[in-house]
Each structure stands twice: as C-alpha cells, then as structure tokens.
Amino acid sequence: MTQLNEEELKRLVKAAIPDAEVIVRLFSGDDHFEMEVRSSAFAGKSRIAQHRMVYAALGEHMREAIHALKLKTSPR
C-alpha cells in the first residue's frame, strides 16, 4: 500500500461519513497523524463507536499505511 497524505485521509473519512468536518495533521515522520472529526452521525454513539466508524472509513490503511493516529471525535 502507498503512503497517504492528509488530503487522502480526509477524503476517505468524508466518503464514509459525508457530513463530517475533518481536520488532519501530520505530526511525525510520514505515517503519524492526528485527526479531528465532527459529524452528526456520531450523535448518541459512544466514543468507541465513533472511533470505530472512522477506523472503518480508513480500512486497511490503518494496518498498512498509518503507523499512529491520534483521533478526536465529537458529534455536531
């Protein structure tokens, strides 16, 4: 799998969670990211469920292209 950049990660999340507001920053090397995601789809869901939605959007990239992800989610 190829390396990802911030815009590609944002695109993946928005494809799975269309109303998401996504901020992605690279914080170390080329595979350590921090991400903030806000979406009405998170309303009523636990933090774990919210994170699982984002992980599902990133799919296999979480295993192969992303070494570390600092994730913050919240409903709008």
N, C-alpha and C. Protein backbone atom coordinates (compact mmCIF):
# COMPACT_ATOMS: atom_id res chain seq x y z
N MET A 1 0.83 -1.18 0.00
CA MET A 1 0.00 0.00 0.00
C MET A 1 0.88 1.25 0.00
N THR A 2 0.43 2.28 -0.64
CA THR A 2 1.21 3.50 -0.73
C THR A 2 1.04 4.37 0.50
N GLN A 3 1.94 5.35 0.63
CA GLN A 3 1.83 6.29 1.74
C GLN A 3 0.64 7.21 1.48
N LEU A 4 0.05 7.66 2.56
CA LEU A 4 -1.09 8.57 2.49
C LEU A 4 -0.68 9.95 2.93
N ASN A 5 -1.37 10.95 2.41
CA ASN A 5 -1.17 12.31 2.92
C ASN A 5 -2.46 12.77 3.60
N GLU A 6 -2.42 13.95 4.14
CA GLU A 6 -3.55 14.47 4.90
C GLU A 6 -4.83 14.55 4.06
N GLU A 7 -4.72 15.01 2.83
CA GLU A 7 -5.90 15.16 1.98
C GLU A 7 -6.53 13.81 1.63
N GLU A 8 -5.71 12.80 1.42
CA GLU A 8 -6.24 11.48 1.10
C GLU A 8 -6.98 10.89 2.30
N LEU A 9 -6.45 11.09 3.50
CA LEU A 9 -7.13 10.62 4.70
C LEU A 9 -8.47 11.33 4.87
N LYS A 10 -8.47 12.63 4.66
CA LYS A 10 -9.70 13.41 4.76
C LYS A 10 -10.73 12.90 3.76
N ARG A 11 -10.30 12.62 2.55
CA ARG A 11 -11.21 12.13 1.50
C ARG A 11 -11.82 10.78 1.90
N LEU A 12 -11.02 9.88 2.46
CA LEU A 12 -11.52 8.58 2.88
C LEU A 12 -12.60 8.71 3.95
N VAL A 13 -12.37 9.57 4.93
CA VAL A 13 -13.35 9.74 6.00
C VAL A 13 -14.63 10.37 5.46
N LYS A 14 -14.49 11.39 4.63
CA LYS A 14 -15.68 12.07 4.08
C LYS A 14 -16.46 11.16 3.14
N ALA A 15 -15.81 10.21 2.49
CA ALA A 15 -16.52 9.26 1.63
C ALA A 15 -17.44 8.36 2.46
N ALA A 16 -17.00 8.01 3.66
CA ALA A 16 -17.78 7.12 4.53
C ALA A 16 -18.75 7.88 5.43
N ILE A 17 -18.37 9.11 5.80
CA ILE A 17 -19.18 9.94 6.70
C ILE A 17 -19.34 11.29 6.01
N PRO A 18 -20.28 11.41 5.07
CA PRO A 18 -20.36 12.58 4.18
C PRO A 18 -20.46 13.94 4.86
N ASP A 19 -21.13 14.02 6.01
CA ASP A 19 -21.28 15.34 6.64
C ASP A 19 -20.13 15.68 7.59
N ALA A 20 -19.12 14.85 7.62
CA ALA A 20 -18.01 15.04 8.57
C ALA A 20 -17.21 16.30 8.28
N GLU A 21 -16.84 16.97 9.35
CA GLU A 21 -15.84 18.04 9.29
C GLU A 21 -14.55 17.35 9.74
N VAL A 22 -13.54 17.35 8.89
CA VAL A 22 -12.32 16.59 9.16
C VAL A 22 -11.10 17.50 9.09
N ILE A 23 -10.30 17.45 10.14
CA ILE A 23 -9.01 18.15 10.17
C ILE A 23 -7.94 17.08 10.37
N VAL A 24 -6.95 17.05 9.50
CA VAL A 24 -5.87 16.07 9.59
C VAL A 24 -4.55 16.80 9.58
N ARG A 25 -3.67 16.39 10.49
CA ARG A 25 -2.32 16.95 10.54
C ARG A 25 -1.32 15.80 10.64
N LEU A 26 -0.21 15.97 9.98
CA LEU A 26 0.92 15.06 10.11
C LEU A 26 1.71 15.53 11.32
N PHE A 27 2.03 14.64 12.27
CA PHE A 27 2.76 15.13 13.43
C PHE A 27 4.12 14.50 13.62
N SER A 28 4.48 13.49 12.85
CA SER A 28 5.82 12.92 12.97
C SER A 28 6.06 12.01 11.78
N GLY A 29 7.20 12.16 11.16
CA GLY A 29 7.52 11.31 10.02
C GLY A 29 6.50 11.48 8.91
N ASP A 30 6.20 10.37 8.23
CA ASP A 30 5.23 10.46 7.15
C ASP A 30 4.05 9.51 7.37
N ASP A 31 3.95 8.92 8.58
CA ASP A 31 2.86 7.99 8.84
C ASP A 31 2.26 8.12 10.23
N HIS A 32 2.49 9.25 10.90
CA HIS A 32 1.91 9.55 12.21
C HIS A 32 0.99 10.76 12.03
N PHE A 33 -0.30 10.55 12.26
CA PHE A 33 -1.28 11.60 12.01
C PHE A 33 -2.09 11.90 13.26
N GLU A 34 -2.63 13.11 13.30
CA GLU A 34 -3.66 13.43 14.26
C GLU A 34 -4.86 13.92 13.47
N MET A 35 -6.05 13.52 13.94
CA MET A 35 -7.26 13.80 13.18
C MET A 35 -8.38 14.20 14.14
N GLU A 36 -9.13 15.22 13.74
CA GLU A 36 -10.34 15.61 14.46
C GLU A 36 -11.49 15.44 13.50
N VAL A 37 -12.54 14.76 13.96
CA VAL A 37 -13.70 14.51 13.11
C VAL A 37 -14.95 14.87 13.89
N ARG A 38 -15.78 15.72 13.30
CA ARG A 38 -17.08 16.08 13.86
C ARG A 38 -18.14 15.67 12.86
N SER A 39 -19.21 15.03 13.36
CA SER A 39 -20.28 14.61 12.47
C SER A 39 -21.57 14.39 13.25
N SER A 40 -22.69 14.70 12.62
CA SER A 40 -23.98 14.42 13.24
C SER A 40 -24.20 12.91 13.33
N ALA A 41 -23.50 12.12 12.52
CA ALA A 41 -23.61 10.66 12.56
C ALA A 41 -23.10 10.10 13.89
N PHE A 42 -22.34 10.88 14.64
CA PHE A 42 -21.81 10.44 15.93
C PHE A 42 -22.80 10.65 17.07
N ALA A 43 -23.87 11.38 16.84
CA ALA A 43 -24.84 11.69 17.90
C ALA A 43 -25.38 10.41 18.52
N GLY A 44 -25.34 10.36 19.84
CA GLY A 44 -25.87 9.21 20.57
C GLY A 44 -24.96 8.00 20.59
N LYS A 45 -23.81 8.09 19.97
CA LYS A 45 -22.87 6.96 19.93
C LYS A 45 -21.76 7.18 20.95
N SER A 46 -21.26 6.09 21.50
CA SER A 46 -20.14 6.19 22.44
C SER A 46 -18.89 6.63 21.69
N ARG A 47 -17.90 7.07 22.43
CA ARG A 47 -16.63 7.47 21.82
C ARG A 47 -16.01 6.29 21.06
N ILE A 48 -16.12 5.10 21.63
CA ILE A 48 -15.58 3.91 20.96
C ILE A 48 -16.29 3.67 19.63
N ALA A 49 -17.61 3.79 19.61
CA ALA A 49 -18.37 3.60 18.37
C ALA A 49 -17.99 4.66 17.34
N GLN A 50 -17.78 5.90 17.79
CA GLN A 50 -17.37 6.97 16.89
C GLN A 50 -16.02 6.64 16.26
N HIS A 51 -15.09 6.21 17.08
CA HIS A 51 -13.74 5.87 16.59
C HIS A 51 -13.80 4.70 15.63
N ARG A 52 -14.64 3.72 15.93
CA ARG A 52 -14.77 2.57 15.03
C ARG A 52 -15.28 3.00 13.66
N MET A 53 -16.17 3.99 13.62
CA MET A 53 -16.66 4.49 12.33
C MET A 53 -15.51 5.08 11.51
N VAL A 54 -14.64 5.83 12.17
CA VAL A 54 -13.50 6.43 11.47
C VAL A 54 -12.53 5.34 11.04
N TYR A 55 -12.24 4.39 11.93
CA TYR A 55 -11.34 3.29 11.57
C TYR A 55 -11.88 2.50 10.38
N ALA A 56 -13.20 2.28 10.35
CA ALA A 56 -13.81 1.56 9.23
C ALA A 56 -13.62 2.34 7.93
N ALA A 57 -13.73 3.67 8.02
CA ALA A 57 -13.53 4.50 6.83
C ALA A 57 -12.10 4.40 6.31
N LEU A 58 -11.15 4.25 7.21
CA LEU A 58 -9.75 4.18 6.82
C LEU A 58 -9.35 2.77 6.39
N GLY A 59 -10.13 1.78 6.77
CA GLY A 59 -9.96 0.41 6.32
C GLY A 59 -8.56 -0.13 6.51
N GLU A 60 -8.05 -0.80 5.49
CA GLU A 60 -6.74 -1.45 5.54
C GLU A 60 -5.58 -0.46 5.72
N HIS A 61 -5.83 0.81 5.45
CA HIS A 61 -4.78 1.82 5.65
C HIS A 61 -4.34 1.87 7.11
N MET A 62 -5.26 1.53 8.03
CA MET A 62 -4.90 1.53 9.45
C MET A 62 -3.85 0.47 9.75
N ARG A 63 -3.82 -0.59 9.00
CA ARG A 63 -2.86 -1.67 9.23
C ARG A 63 -1.57 -1.45 8.46
N GLU A 64 -1.68 -0.81 7.30
CA GLU A 64 -0.54 -0.80 6.39
C GLU A 64 0.14 0.55 6.18
N ALA A 65 -0.61 1.63 6.17
CA ALA A 65 -0.02 2.92 5.82
C ALA A 65 0.02 3.92 6.97
N ILE A 66 -0.75 3.67 8.02
CA ILE A 66 -0.81 4.59 9.15
C ILE A 66 -0.17 3.90 10.35
N HIS A 67 0.94 4.45 10.82
CA HIS A 67 1.61 3.85 11.96
C HIS A 67 0.95 4.29 13.27
N ALA A 68 0.56 5.57 13.34
CA ALA A 68 -0.07 6.09 14.55
C ALA A 68 -1.14 7.10 14.15
N LEU A 69 -2.25 7.06 14.89
CA LEU A 69 -3.34 8.00 14.65
C LEU A 69 -3.87 8.49 15.99
N LYS A 70 -3.70 9.77 16.25
CA LYS A 70 -4.29 10.40 17.43
C LYS A 70 -5.64 10.93 16.95
N LEU A 71 -6.72 10.38 17.49
CA LEU A 71 -8.05 10.66 16.97
C LEU A 71 -8.93 11.31 18.02
N LYS A 72 -9.60 12.38 17.62
CA LYS A 72 -10.57 13.06 18.47
C LYS A 72 -11.86 13.16 17.67
N THR A 73 -12.96 12.64 18.23
CA THR A 73 -14.25 12.70 17.53
C THR A 73 -15.27 13.38 18.42
N SER A 74 -16.29 13.97 17.79
CA SER A 74 -17.39 14.57 18.53
C SER A 74 -18.58 14.76 17.60
N PRO A 75 -19.80 14.70 18.17
CA PRO A 75 -20.97 14.99 17.35
C PRO A 75 -21.11 16.48 17.13
N ARG A 76 -21.82 16.85 16.09
CA ARG A 76 -22.09 18.27 15.85
C ARG A 76 -23.37 18.66 16.51
